[in-house]
Amino acid sequence: MFGAVLLRGIKLAKQDPIVNIIDQLAGADYIADPAIATSIYMAQSLGRPLLIEGRAGVGKTEIANVMAQLMDTKLIRLQCYEGLDVTTALYEWNYPKQLLWIKLDEQSGRSTEEREQQIFSEPFLLERPLLAALTQKDKAPVLLIDEVDRADEEFEAFLLETLSEFQVTIPEIGTIKAEHRPLVILTSNRTRDLSDALRRRCLYLWIDYPDLEKELRIVRNKVKGIDEDLARQVCEFVRGAREFGLEKVPGISETLDWANAMILLNYDNLEPDIIAQTLGALVKNADDLERFRTEAIEHIMQSVG
């Protein structure tokens, strides 16, 4: 079902599959550690959804993007939000098409029952992300359920059947079961607690902010042409910023934004005035920005090598 053959047809070595996944992720510009690679391998091999929690901007969503690339398959994304309902996530009927068909069929002599059977059939069905992930014919897709913690508890309860059986029931059509079980990745920023029932159905991965050396590797990999000393200064400064008690703590994406800003503006060294000028790429909250400019820059600079 799942396993070694998923990654672009390259078979994982039985003796060291985790290293192989790390290498393949690195080849797709994603710097992973053994915990990430092990979780991906287990999710693939066991056919279980993978719930990834962590701070905003640490690369949770990017795992799904990279896995779809490595598996050479389709990425189907369901972006969760408050008020998300089953219709938006699963399916709905194409009402304009149904009405047009009824109008064109007025002279056919069909009975009302026959018409209903026709318009409530697959040609009139609009697939939304969850149903689309179950009906892929060629190969298993990657299904990303992004920021599941933003959805309501009622919607979370609805997900349980889908993630348990990988099937859904449409009253007018019947039960649709996945021919190819998707690789399911759920992400959460922990804005609310998820239910124990949902957690039981998933494998779990926590991603924290990277240590200095890992973040430095990410910057080197993603920001082409950056000077080694500047890359290290940027990463050290960002680490100091994360300990300053900001409302919105900068993630890896902010580190990359800031490093790219330095390259764009031809800066090769961090100085207080340069930091103040480019701070909008790193600190993205008005209150944080004002406090940072007045209190933090000089203090953090003292710890940057």
C-alpha atoms as a PDB file:
ATOM      1  CA  MET A   1       0.000   0.000   0.000  1.00  0.00           C
ATOM      2  CA  PHE A   2       2.565   2.516   1.125  1.00  0.00           C
ATOM      3  CA  GLY A   3       6.287   2.273   1.647  1.00  0.00           C
ATOM      4  CA  ALA A   4       9.581   2.493  -0.106  1.00  0.00           C
ATOM      5  CA  VAL A   5       8.330   2.698  -3.661  1.00  0.00           C
ATOM      6  CA  LEU A   6       6.455   5.975  -3.149  1.00  0.00           C
ATOM      7  CA  LEU A   7       9.388   8.328  -3.536  1.00  0.00           C
ATOM      8  CA  ARG A   8       9.625   8.832  -7.284  1.00  0.00           C
ATOM      9  CA  GLY A   9      10.146   5.119  -7.829  1.00  0.00           C
ATOM     10  CA  ILE A  10      13.374   5.043  -5.793  1.00  0.00           C
ATOM     11  CA  LYS A  11      13.322   2.059  -3.471  1.00  0.00           C
ATOM     12  CA  LEU A  12      14.389   2.798   0.079  1.00  0.00           C
ATOM     13  CA  ALA A  13      17.229   0.670   1.393  1.00  0.00           C
ATOM     14  CA  LYS A  14      15.900  -1.683   4.051  1.00  0.00           C
ATOM     15  CA  GLN A  15      18.891  -1.143   6.291  1.00  0.00           C
ATOM     16  CA  ASP A  16      18.633   2.651   6.444  1.00  0.00           C
ATOM     17  CA  PRO A  17      15.360   4.096   5.071  1.00  0.00           C
ATOM     18  CA  ILE A  18      15.500   7.162   7.306  1.00  0.00           C
ATOM     19  CA  VAL A  19      18.807   8.362   5.868  1.00  0.00           C
ATOM     20  CA  ASN A  20      17.439   7.853   2.371  1.00  0.00           C
ATOM     21  CA  ILE A  21      14.393   9.992   3.121  1.00  0.00           C
ATOM     22  CA  ILE A  22      16.577  12.722   4.647  1.00  0.00           C
ATOM     23  CA  ASP A  23      18.711  12.707   1.497  1.00  0.00           C
ATOM     24  CA  GLN A  24      15.709  12.831  -0.822  1.00  0.00           C
ATOM     25  CA  LEU A  25      14.134  15.670   1.140  1.00  0.00           C
ATOM     26  CA  ALA A  26      17.431  17.549   0.988  1.00  0.00           C
ATOM     27  CA  GLY A  27      17.437  17.034  -2.767  1.00  0.00           C
ATOM     28  CA  ALA A  28      14.080  18.803  -2.837  1.00  0.00           C
ATOM     29  CA  ASP A  29      15.505  21.691  -0.747  1.00  0.00           C
ATOM     30  CA  TYR A  30      13.902  20.580   2.530  1.00  0.00           C
ATOM     31  CA  ILE A  31      16.347  20.178   5.414  1.00  0.00           C
ATOM     32  CA  ALA A  32      14.971  17.431   7.669  1.00  0.00           C
ATOM     33  CA  ASP A  33      16.197  15.776  10.840  1.00  0.00           C
ATOM     34  CA  PRO A  34      15.741  12.074  11.742  1.00  0.00           C
ATOM     35  CA  ALA A  35      12.510  12.734  13.671  1.00  0.00           C
ATOM     36  CA  ILE A  36      10.838  14.248  10.592  1.00  0.00           C
ATOM     37  CA  ALA A  37      12.128  11.531   8.256  1.00  0.00           C
ATOM     38  CA  THR A  38      11.071   8.755  10.647  1.00  0.00           C
ATOM     39  CA  SER A  39       7.546  10.166  10.962  1.00  0.00           C
ATOM     40  CA  ILE A  40       7.183  10.387   7.187  1.00  0.00           C
ATOM     41  CA  TYR A  41       8.457   6.832   6.753  1.00  0.00           C
ATOM     42  CA  MET A  42       6.025   5.474   9.356  1.00  0.00           C
ATOM     43  CA  ALA A  43       3.084   7.374   7.861  1.00  0.00           C
ATOM     44  CA  GLN A  44       3.863   5.935   4.445  1.00  0.00           C
ATOM     45  CA  SER A  45       4.574   2.396   5.602  1.00  0.00           C
ATOM     46  CA  LEU A  46       1.649   2.122   8.021  1.00  0.00           C
ATOM     47  CA  GLY A  47      -0.856   4.070   5.939  1.00  0.00           C
ATOM     48  CA  ARG A  48      -1.656   6.360   8.861  1.00  0.00           C
ATOM     49  CA  PRO A  49      -2.369  10.112   8.818  1.00  0.00           C
ATOM     50  CA  LEU A  50       0.448  12.264  10.188  1.00  0.00           C
ATOM     51  CA  LEU A  51      -0.485  15.120  12.518  1.00  0.00           C
ATOM     52  CA  ILE A  52       2.236  17.775  12.584  1.00  0.00           C
ATOM     53  CA  GLU A  53       2.105  20.431  15.283  1.00  0.00           C
ATOM     54  CA  GLY A  54       4.489  23.272  15.905  1.00  0.00           C
ATOM     55  CA  ARG A  55       4.999  27.003  15.806  1.00  0.00           C
ATOM     56  CA  ALA A  56       3.896  28.998  12.790  1.00  0.00           C
ATOM     57  CA  GLY A  57       6.528  29.176  10.089  1.00  0.00           C
ATOM     58  CA  VAL A  58       8.611  26.101  10.979  1.00  0.00           C
ATOM     59  CA  GLY A  59       7.922  24.193   7.749  1.00  0.00           C
ATOM     60  CA  LYS A  60       4.898  22.023   8.587  1.00  0.00           C
ATOM     61  CA  THR A  61       2.980  22.720   5.389  1.00  0.00           C
ATOM     62  CA  GLU A  62       6.109  22.484   3.268  1.00  0.00           C
ATOM     63  CA  ILE A  63       6.463  18.795   4.189  1.00  0.00           C
ATOM     64  CA  ALA A  64       3.260  18.030   2.269  1.00  0.00           C
ATOM     65  CA  ASN A  65       4.407  20.085  -0.729  1.00  0.00           C
ATOM     66  CA  VAL A  66       7.775  18.325  -0.852  1.00  0.00           C
ATOM     67  CA  MET A  67       6.276  14.854  -0.399  1.00  0.00           C
ATOM     68  CA  ALA A  68       3.910  15.410  -3.324  1.00  0.00           C
ATOM     69  CA  GLN A  69       6.921  16.423  -5.401  1.00  0.00           C
ATOM     70  CA  LEU A  70       8.986  13.401  -4.371  1.00  0.00           C
ATOM     71  CA  MET A  71       6.093  10.993  -4.880  1.00  0.00           C
ATOM     72  CA  ASP A  72       5.359  12.596  -8.248  1.00  0.00           C
ATOM     73  CA  THR A  73       1.711  12.844  -7.336  1.00  0.00           C
ATOM     74  CA  LYS A  74      -1.019  15.407  -6.820  1.00  0.00           C
ATOM     75  CA  LEU A  75      -1.170  17.619  -3.735  1.00  0.00           C
ATOM     76  CA  ILE A  76      -4.750  18.227  -2.609  1.00  0.00           C
ATOM     77  CA  ARG A  77      -5.077  20.915   0.049  1.00  0.00           C
ATOM     78  CA  LEU A  78      -7.933  21.608   2.414  1.00  0.00           C
ATOM     79  CA  GLN A  79      -7.359  24.929   4.183  1.00  0.00           C
ATOM     80  CA  CYS A  80      -9.264  24.901   7.457  1.00  0.00           C
ATOM     81  CA  TYR A  81     -10.943  27.919   9.020  1.00  0.00           C
ATOM     82  CA  GLU A  82     -13.672  28.690  11.532  1.00  0.00           C
ATOM     83  CA  GLY A  83     -17.044  27.798  10.043  1.00  0.00           C
ATOM     84  CA  LEU A  84     -15.698  25.271   7.532  1.00  0.00           C
ATOM     85  CA  ASP A  85     -18.484  22.809   6.797  1.00  0.00           C
ATOM     86  CA  VAL A  86     -18.885  19.438   5.149  1.00  0.00           C
ATOM     87  CA  THR A  87     -20.201  20.932   1.903  1.00  0.00           C
ATOM     88  CA  THR A  88     -17.098  23.029   1.406  1.00  0.00           C
ATOM     89  CA  ALA A  89     -14.718  20.228   2.352  1.00  0.00           C
ATOM     90  CA  LEU A  90     -16.374  17.170   0.800  1.00  0.00           C
ATOM     91  CA  TYR A  91     -18.808  17.821  -2.057  1.00  0.00           C
ATOM     92  CA  GLU A  92     -21.766  19.811  -3.255  1.00  0.00           C
ATOM     93  CA  TRP A  93     -24.203  19.530  -6.126  1.00  0.00           C
ATOM     94  CA  ASN A  94     -23.829  21.682  -9.224  1.00  0.00           C
ATOM     95  CA  TYR A  95     -27.174  23.442  -8.922  1.00  0.00           C
ATOM     96  CA  PRO A  96     -26.873  25.627 -12.073  1.00  0.00           C
ATOM     97  CA  LYS A  97     -26.049  22.526 -14.142  1.00  0.00           C
ATOM     98  CA  GLN A  98     -28.956  20.628 -12.542  1.00  0.00           C
ATOM     99  CA  LEU A  99     -31.413  23.443 -13.295  1.00  0.00           C
ATOM    100  CA  LEU A 100     -30.203  23.717 -16.871  1.00  0.00           C
ATOM    101  CA  TRP A 101     -30.551  19.966 -17.382  1.00  0.00           C
ATOM    102  CA  ILE A 102     -34.102  20.012 -15.958  1.00  0.00           C
ATOM    103  CA  LYS A 103     -35.066  22.873 -18.287  1.00  0.00           C
ATOM    104  CA  LEU A 104     -33.619  21.127 -21.344  1.00  0.00           C
ATOM    105  CA  ASP A 105     -35.307  17.861 -20.337  1.00  0.00           C
ATOM    106  CA  GLU A 106     -38.783  19.307 -19.898  1.00  0.00           C
ATOM    107  CA  GLN A 107     -40.149  17.689 -23.054  1.00  0.00           C
ATOM    108  CA  SER A 108     -38.587  14.261 -22.489  1.00  0.00           C
ATOM    109  CA  GLY A 109     -41.517  12.765 -20.644  1.00  0.00           C
ATOM    110  CA  ARG A 110     -39.332  11.458 -17.804  1.00  0.00           C
ATOM    111  CA  SER A 111     -40.947  11.029 -14.413  1.00  0.00           C
ATOM    112  CA  THR A 112     -39.918  13.153 -11.435  1.00  0.00           C
ATOM    113  CA  GLU A 113     -38.172  10.135  -9.922  1.00  0.00           C
ATOM    114  CA  GLU A 114     -36.178   9.549 -13.097  1.00  0.00           C
ATOM    115  CA  ARG A 115     -35.139  13.188 -13.225  1.00  0.00           C
ATOM    116  CA  GLU A 116     -33.995  13.112  -9.621  1.00  0.00           C
ATOM    117  CA  GLN A 117     -31.924   9.997 -10.250  1.00  0.00           C
ATOM    118  CA  GLN A 118     -30.274  11.722 -13.187  1.00  0.00           C
ATOM    119  CA  ILE A 119     -29.451  15.073 -11.591  1.00  0.00           C
ATOM    120  CA  PHE A 120     -28.211  13.509  -8.339  1.00  0.00           C
ATOM    121  CA  SER A 121     -25.531  11.442 -10.055  1.00  0.00           C
ATOM    122  CA  GLU A 122     -21.791  11.796 -10.502  1.00  0.00           C
ATOM    123  CA  PRO A 123     -21.873  14.084 -13.581  1.00  0.00           C
ATOM    124  CA  PHE A 124     -23.558  16.733 -11.410  1.00  0.00           C
ATOM    125  CA  LEU A 125     -21.263  16.277  -8.405  1.00  0.00           C
ATOM    126  CA  LEU A 126     -18.679  18.930  -7.526  1.00  0.00           C
ATOM    127  CA  GLU A 127     -15.763  17.322  -5.698  1.00  0.00           C
ATOM    128  CA  ARG A 128     -14.184  19.302  -2.897  1.00  0.00           C
ATOM    129  CA  PRO A 129     -10.761  18.405  -1.416  1.00  0.00           C
ATOM    130  CA  LEU A 130     -11.698  15.445   0.780  1.00  0.00           C
ATOM    131  CA  LEU A 131     -13.728  13.691  -1.900  1.00  0.00           C
ATOM    132  CA  ALA A 132     -11.142  14.510  -4.577  1.00  0.00           C
ATOM    133  CA  ALA A 133      -8.468  12.820  -2.459  1.00  0.00           C
ATOM    134  CA  LEU A 134     -10.558   9.630  -2.278  1.00  0.00           C
ATOM    135  CA  THR A 135     -11.410   9.425  -5.972  1.00  0.00           C
ATOM    136  CA  GLN A 136      -7.955   9.699  -7.551  1.00  0.00           C
ATOM    137  CA  LYS A 137      -7.679   6.893 -10.090  1.00  0.00           C
ATOM    138  CA  ASP A 138      -4.009   6.678 -11.048  1.00  0.00           C
ATOM    139  CA  LYS A 139      -2.059   6.902  -7.788  1.00  0.00           C
ATOM    140  CA  ALA A 140      -2.356   7.957  -4.167  1.00  0.00           C
ATOM    141  CA  PRO A 141      -2.292  11.742  -3.722  1.00  0.00           C
ATOM    142  CA  VAL A 142      -1.006  13.734  -0.789  1.00  0.00           C
ATOM    143  CA  LEU A 143      -3.917  15.214   1.165  1.00  0.00           C
ATOM    144  CA  LEU A 144      -2.951  18.247   3.237  1.00  0.00           C
ATOM    145  CA  ILE A 145      -5.473  19.261   5.897  1.00  0.00           C
ATOM    146  CA  ASP A 146      -3.884  22.552   6.834  1.00  0.00           C
ATOM    147  CA  GLU A 147      -4.394  24.278  10.205  1.00  0.00           C
ATOM    148  CA  VAL A 148      -7.004  21.777  11.363  1.00  0.00           C
ATOM    149  CA  ASP A 149      -7.065  23.529  14.743  1.00  0.00           C
ATOM    150  CA  ARG A 150      -8.837  26.490  13.103  1.00  0.00           C
ATOM    151  CA  ALA A 151     -11.850  24.369  12.149  1.00  0.00           C
ATOM    152  CA  ASP A 152     -14.742  23.800  14.529  1.00  0.00           C
ATOM    153  CA  GLU A 153     -14.977  20.735  16.746  1.00  0.00           C
ATOM    154  CA  GLU A 154     -18.015  19.590  14.737  1.00  0.00           C
ATOM    155  CA  PHE A 155     -15.951  19.475  11.572  1.00  0.00           C
ATOM    156  CA  GLU A 156     -13.143  17.699  13.383  1.00  0.00           C
ATOM    157  CA  ALA A 157     -15.643  15.021  14.387  1.00  0.00           C
ATOM    158  CA  PHE A 158     -16.677  14.628  10.749  1.00  0.00           C
ATOM    159  CA  LEU A 159     -13.054  13.953   9.786  1.00  0.00           C
ATOM    160  CA  LEU A 160     -12.950  10.873  12.004  1.00  0.00           C
ATOM    161  CA  GLU A 161     -14.841   8.617   9.556  1.00  0.00           C
ATOM    162  CA  THR A 162     -12.752   9.815   6.631  1.00  0.00           C
ATOM    163  CA  LEU A 163      -9.447   9.236   8.433  1.00  0.00           C
ATOM    164  CA  SER A 164     -10.540   5.905   9.903  1.00  0.00           C
ATOM    165  CA  GLU A 165     -11.984   4.204   6.831  1.00  0.00           C
ATOM    166  CA  PHE A 166     -10.876   6.499   4.009  1.00  0.00           C
ATOM    167  CA  GLN A 167     -14.412   6.517   2.747  1.00  0.00           C
ATOM    168  CA  VAL A 168     -17.404   8.858   2.702  1.00  0.00           C
ATOM    169  CA  THR A 169     -21.113   8.308   2.222  1.00  0.00           C
ATOM    170  CA  ILE A 170     -23.153  10.443  -0.167  1.00  0.00           C
ATOM    171  CA  PRO A 171     -26.849   9.701   0.417  1.00  0.00           C
ATOM    172  CA  GLU A 172     -27.858   9.978  -3.241  1.00  0.00           C
ATOM    173  CA  ILE A 173     -24.958   7.861  -4.543  1.00  0.00           C
ATOM    174  CA  GLY A 174     -23.758   5.637  -1.720  1.00  0.00           C
ATOM    175  CA  THR A 175     -20.393   4.975  -0.107  1.00  0.00           C
ATOM    176  CA  ILE A 176     -17.229   5.992  -1.935  1.00  0.00           C
ATOM    177  CA  LYS A 177     -14.043   4.296  -0.762  1.00  0.00           C
ATOM    178  CA  ALA A 178     -10.539   5.312  -1.782  1.00  0.00           C
ATOM    179  CA  GLU A 179      -8.953   3.101  -4.436  1.00  0.00           C
ATOM    180  CA  HIS A 180      -5.562   4.498  -3.460  1.00  0.00           C
ATOM    181  CA  ARG A 181      -5.287   5.577   0.154  1.00  0.00           C
ATOM    182  CA  PRO A 182      -3.828   9.099   0.224  1.00  0.00           C
ATOM    183  CA  LEU A 183      -0.879  10.145   2.311  1.00  0.00           C
ATOM    184  CA  VAL A 184      -2.674  12.431   4.787  1.00  0.00           C
ATOM    185  CA  ILE A 185      -0.827  15.234   6.538  1.00  0.00           C
ATOM    186  CA  LEU A 186      -2.633  17.410   9.066  1.00  0.00           C
ATOM    187  CA  THR A 187      -1.033  20.553  10.466  1.00  0.00           C
ATOM    188  CA  SER A 188      -1.891  22.479  13.615  1.00  0.00           C
ATOM    189  CA  ASN A 189      -0.576  25.660  15.232  1.00  0.00           C
ATOM    190  CA  ARG A 190      -2.246  24.657  18.518  1.00  0.00           C
ATOM    191  CA  THR A 191      -4.705  27.550  18.616  1.00  0.00           C
ATOM    192  CA  ARG A 192      -7.012  25.043  20.347  1.00  0.00           C
ATOM    193  CA  ASP A 193      -6.669  21.498  21.621  1.00  0.00           C
ATOM    194  CA  LEU A 194      -7.563  18.761  19.182  1.00  0.00           C
ATOM    195  CA  SER A 195      -9.680  15.847  20.371  1.00  0.00           C
ATOM    196  CA  ASP A 196      -8.185  12.623  21.657  1.00  0.00           C
ATOM    197  CA  ALA A 197     -10.219  10.752  19.038  1.00  0.00           C
ATOM    198  CA  LEU A 198      -8.511  12.605  16.201  1.00  0.00           C
ATOM    199  CA  ARG A 199      -5.075  12.197  17.752  1.00  0.00           C
ATOM    200  CA  ARG A 200      -5.586   8.436  18.146  1.00  0.00           C
ATOM    201  CA  ARG A 201      -6.098   8.104  14.416  1.00  0.00           C
ATOM    202  CA  CYS A 202      -2.840   9.856  13.597  1.00  0.00           C
ATOM    203  CA  LEU A 203       0.870   9.511  14.035  1.00  0.00           C
ATOM    204  CA  TYR A 204       2.320  12.600  15.698  1.00  0.00           C
ATOM    205  CA  LEU A 205       5.218  14.915  14.945  1.00  0.00           C
ATOM    206  CA  TRP A 206       6.209  18.077  16.809  1.00  0.00           C
ATOM    207  CA  ILE A 207       8.407  20.563  14.943  1.00  0.00           C
ATOM    208  CA  ASP A 208      10.078  23.299  16.971  1.00  0.00           C
ATOM    209  CA  TYR A 209      12.247  26.159  15.826  1.00  0.00           C
ATOM    210  CA  PRO A 210      15.472  24.712  14.446  1.00  0.00           C
ATOM    211  CA  ASP A 211      18.759  24.921  16.296  1.00  0.00           C
ATOM    212  CA  LEU A 212      21.358  27.345  14.969  1.00  0.00           C
ATOM    213  CA  GLU A 213      23.201  24.892  12.731  1.00  0.00           C
ATOM    214  CA  LYS A 214      20.034  23.524  11.138  1.00  0.00           C
ATOM    215  CA  GLU A 215      18.658  26.992  10.450  1.00  0.00           C
ATOM    216  CA  LEU A 216      22.014  28.003   9.011  1.00  0.00           C
ATOM    217  CA  ARG A 217      21.849  25.027   6.644  1.00  0.00           C
ATOM    218  CA  ILE A 218      18.356  26.090   5.590  1.00  0.00           C
ATOM    219  CA  VAL A 219      19.495  29.645   4.879  1.00  0.00           C
ATOM    220  CA  ARG A 220      22.518  28.460   2.911  1.00  0.00           C
ATOM    221  CA  ASN A 221      20.286  26.157   0.896  1.00  0.00           C
ATOM    222  CA  LYS A 222      17.431  28.581   0.216  1.00  0.00           C
ATOM    223  CA  VAL A 223      19.201  31.953  -0.100  1.00  0.00           C
ATOM    224  CA  LYS A 224      21.499  31.681  -3.050  1.00  0.00           C
ATOM    225  CA  GLY A 225      24.735  33.639  -2.906  1.00  0.00           C
ATOM    226  CA  ILE A 226      24.539  34.646   0.752  1.00  0.00           C
ATOM    227  CA  ASP A 227      27.885  35.200   2.481  1.00  0.00           C
ATOM    228  CA  GLU A 228      28.678  32.662   5.190  1.00  0.00           C
ATOM    229  CA  ASP A 229      29.321  35.313   7.853  1.00  0.00           C
ATOM    230  CA  LEU A 230      26.116  37.174   7.013  1.00  0.00           C
ATOM    231  CA  ALA A 231      24.090  33.953   7.074  1.00  0.00           C
ATOM    232  CA  ARG A 232      25.395  33.137  10.543  1.00  0.00           C
ATOM    233  CA  GLN A 233      24.744  36.672  11.809  1.00  0.00           C
ATOM    234  CA  VAL A 234      21.169  36.540  10.507  1.00  0.00           C
ATOM    235  CA  CYS A 235      20.482  33.187  12.147  1.00  0.00           C
ATOM    236  CA  GLU A 236      22.045  34.208  15.451  1.00  0.00           C
ATOM    237  CA  PHE A 237      20.043  37.453  15.487  1.00  0.00           C
ATOM    238  CA  VAL A 238      16.782  35.636  14.737  1.00  0.00           C
ATOM    239  CA  ARG A 239      17.456  33.227  17.603  1.00  0.00           C
ATOM    240  CA  GLY A 240      17.850  36.206  19.903  1.00  0.00           C
ATOM    241  CA  ALA A 241      14.636  37.740  18.557  1.00  0.00           C
ATOM    242  CA  ARG A 242      12.708  34.561  19.359  1.00  0.00           C
ATOM    243  CA  GLU A 243      13.691  34.863  23.001  1.00  0.00           C
ATOM    244  CA  PHE A 244      12.517  38.461  23.275  1.00  0.00           C
ATOM    245  CA  GLY A 245       8.867  37.690  24.035  1.00  0.00           C
ATOM    246  CA  LEU A 246       7.312  38.897  20.784  1.00  0.00           C
ATOM    247  CA  GLU A 247       3.613  38.512  20.072  1.00  0.00           C
ATOM    248  CA  LYS A 248       4.418  36.975  16.677  1.00  0.00           C
ATOM    249  CA  VAL A 249       7.669  35.095  16.943  1.00  0.00           C
ATOM    250  CA  PRO A 250       9.575  34.968  13.629  1.00  0.00           C
ATOM    251  CA  GLY A 251       9.645  31.541  12.000  1.00  0.00           C
ATOM    252  CA  ILE A 252      11.934  30.098   9.382  1.00  0.00           C
ATOM    253  CA  SER A 253       9.981  31.868   6.649  1.00  0.00           C
ATOM    254  CA  GLU A 254      10.800  35.225   8.284  1.00  0.00           C
ATOM    255  CA  THR A 255      14.460  34.245   8.553  1.00  0.00           C
ATOM    256  CA  LEU A 256      14.493  33.561   4.813  1.00  0.00           C
ATOM    257  CA  ASP A 257      12.602  36.775   4.031  1.00  0.00           C
ATOM    258  CA  TRP A 258      15.134  38.775   6.013  1.00  0.00           C
ATOM    259  CA  ALA A 259      18.146  37.031   4.514  1.00  0.00           C
ATOM    260  CA  ASN A 260      16.791  37.598   1.013  1.00  0.00           C
ATOM    261  CA  ALA A 261      16.223  41.270   1.855  1.00  0.00           C
ATOM    262  CA  MET A 262      19.888  41.557   2.817  1.00  0.00           C
ATOM    263  CA  ILE A 263      20.916  40.094  -0.536  1.00  0.00           C
ATOM    264  CA  LEU A 264      18.495  42.331  -2.425  1.00  0.00           C
ATOM    265  CA  LEU A 265      19.882  45.460  -0.744  1.00  0.00           C
ATOM    266  CA  ASN A 266      23.516  44.336  -1.113  1.00  0.00           C
ATOM    267  CA  TYR A 267      24.225  44.275   2.622  1.00  0.00           C
ATOM    268  CA  ASP A 268      26.977  41.944   3.757  1.00  0.00           C
ATOM    269  CA  ASN A 269      27.041  42.655   7.485  1.00  0.00           C
ATOM    270  CA  LEU A 270      24.512  43.322  10.245  1.00  0.00           C
ATOM    271  CA  GLU A 271      24.568  46.809  11.721  1.00  0.00           C
ATOM    272  CA  PRO A 272      21.913  48.432  13.946  1.00  0.00           C
ATOM    273  CA  ASP A 273      20.808  50.896  11.254  1.00  0.00           C
ATOM    274  CA  ILE A 274      20.577  48.123   8.643  1.00  0.00           C
ATOM    275  CA  ILE A 275      18.511  46.000  11.029  1.00  0.00           C
ATOM    276  CA  ALA A 276      16.154  48.917  11.719  1.00  0.00           C
ATOM    277  CA  GLN A 277      15.684  49.559   7.989  1.00  0.00           C
ATOM    278  CA  THR A 278      14.889  45.939   7.112  1.00  0.00           C
ATOM    279  CA  LEU A 279      13.027  44.894  10.239  1.00  0.00           C
ATOM    280  CA  GLY A 280       9.704  44.655   8.422  1.00  0.00           C
ATOM    281  CA  ALA A 281      10.920  41.456   6.772  1.00  0.00           C
ATOM    282  CA  LEU A 282      11.501  39.849  10.174  1.00  0.00           C
ATOM    283  CA  VAL A 283       9.017  41.340  12.663  1.00  0.00           C
ATOM    284  CA  LYS A 284       5.457  41.439  11.331  1.00  0.00           C
ATOM    285  CA  ASN A 285       3.386  42.877  14.132  1.00  0.00           C
ATOM    286  CA  ALA A 286       3.014  46.619  14.784  1.00  0.00           C
ATOM    287  CA  ASP A 287       3.428  46.456  18.565  1.00  0.00           C
ATOM    288  CA  ASP A 288       6.355  44.041  18.257  1.00  0.00           C
ATOM    289  CA  LEU A 289       8.004  46.304  15.697  1.00  0.00           C
ATOM    290  CA  GLU A 290       7.883  49.414  17.889  1.00  0.00           C
ATOM    291  CA  ARG A 291       9.076  47.586  20.982  1.00  0.00           C
ATOM    292  CA  PHE A 292      11.797  45.820  19.047  1.00  0.00           C
ATOM    293  CA  ARG A 293      13.217  49.018  17.592  1.00  0.00           C
ATOM    294  CA  THR A 294      13.389  50.726  20.969  1.00  0.00           C
ATOM    295  CA  GLU A 295      14.507  47.860  23.194  1.00  0.00           C
ATOM    296  CA  ALA A 296      15.884  44.850  21.380  1.00  0.00           C
ATOM    297  CA  ILE A 297      18.267  45.651  18.555  1.00  0.00           C
ATOM    298  CA  GLU A 298      21.298  46.758  20.570  1.00  0.00           C
ATOM    299  CA  HIS A 299      20.715  44.073  23.194  1.00  0.00           C
ATOM    300  CA  ILE A 300      20.562  41.215  20.672  1.00  0.00           C
ATOM    301  CA  MET A 301      23.484  42.557  18.651  1.00  0.00           C
ATOM    302  CA  GLN A 302      25.743  42.053  21.656  1.00  0.00           C
ATOM    303  CA  SER A 303      25.249  38.294  21.356  1.00  0.00           C
ATOM    304  CA  VAL A 304      25.772  38.093  17.583  1.00  0.00           C
ATOM    305  CA  GLY A 305      29.224  36.943  16.555  1.00  0.00           C
END
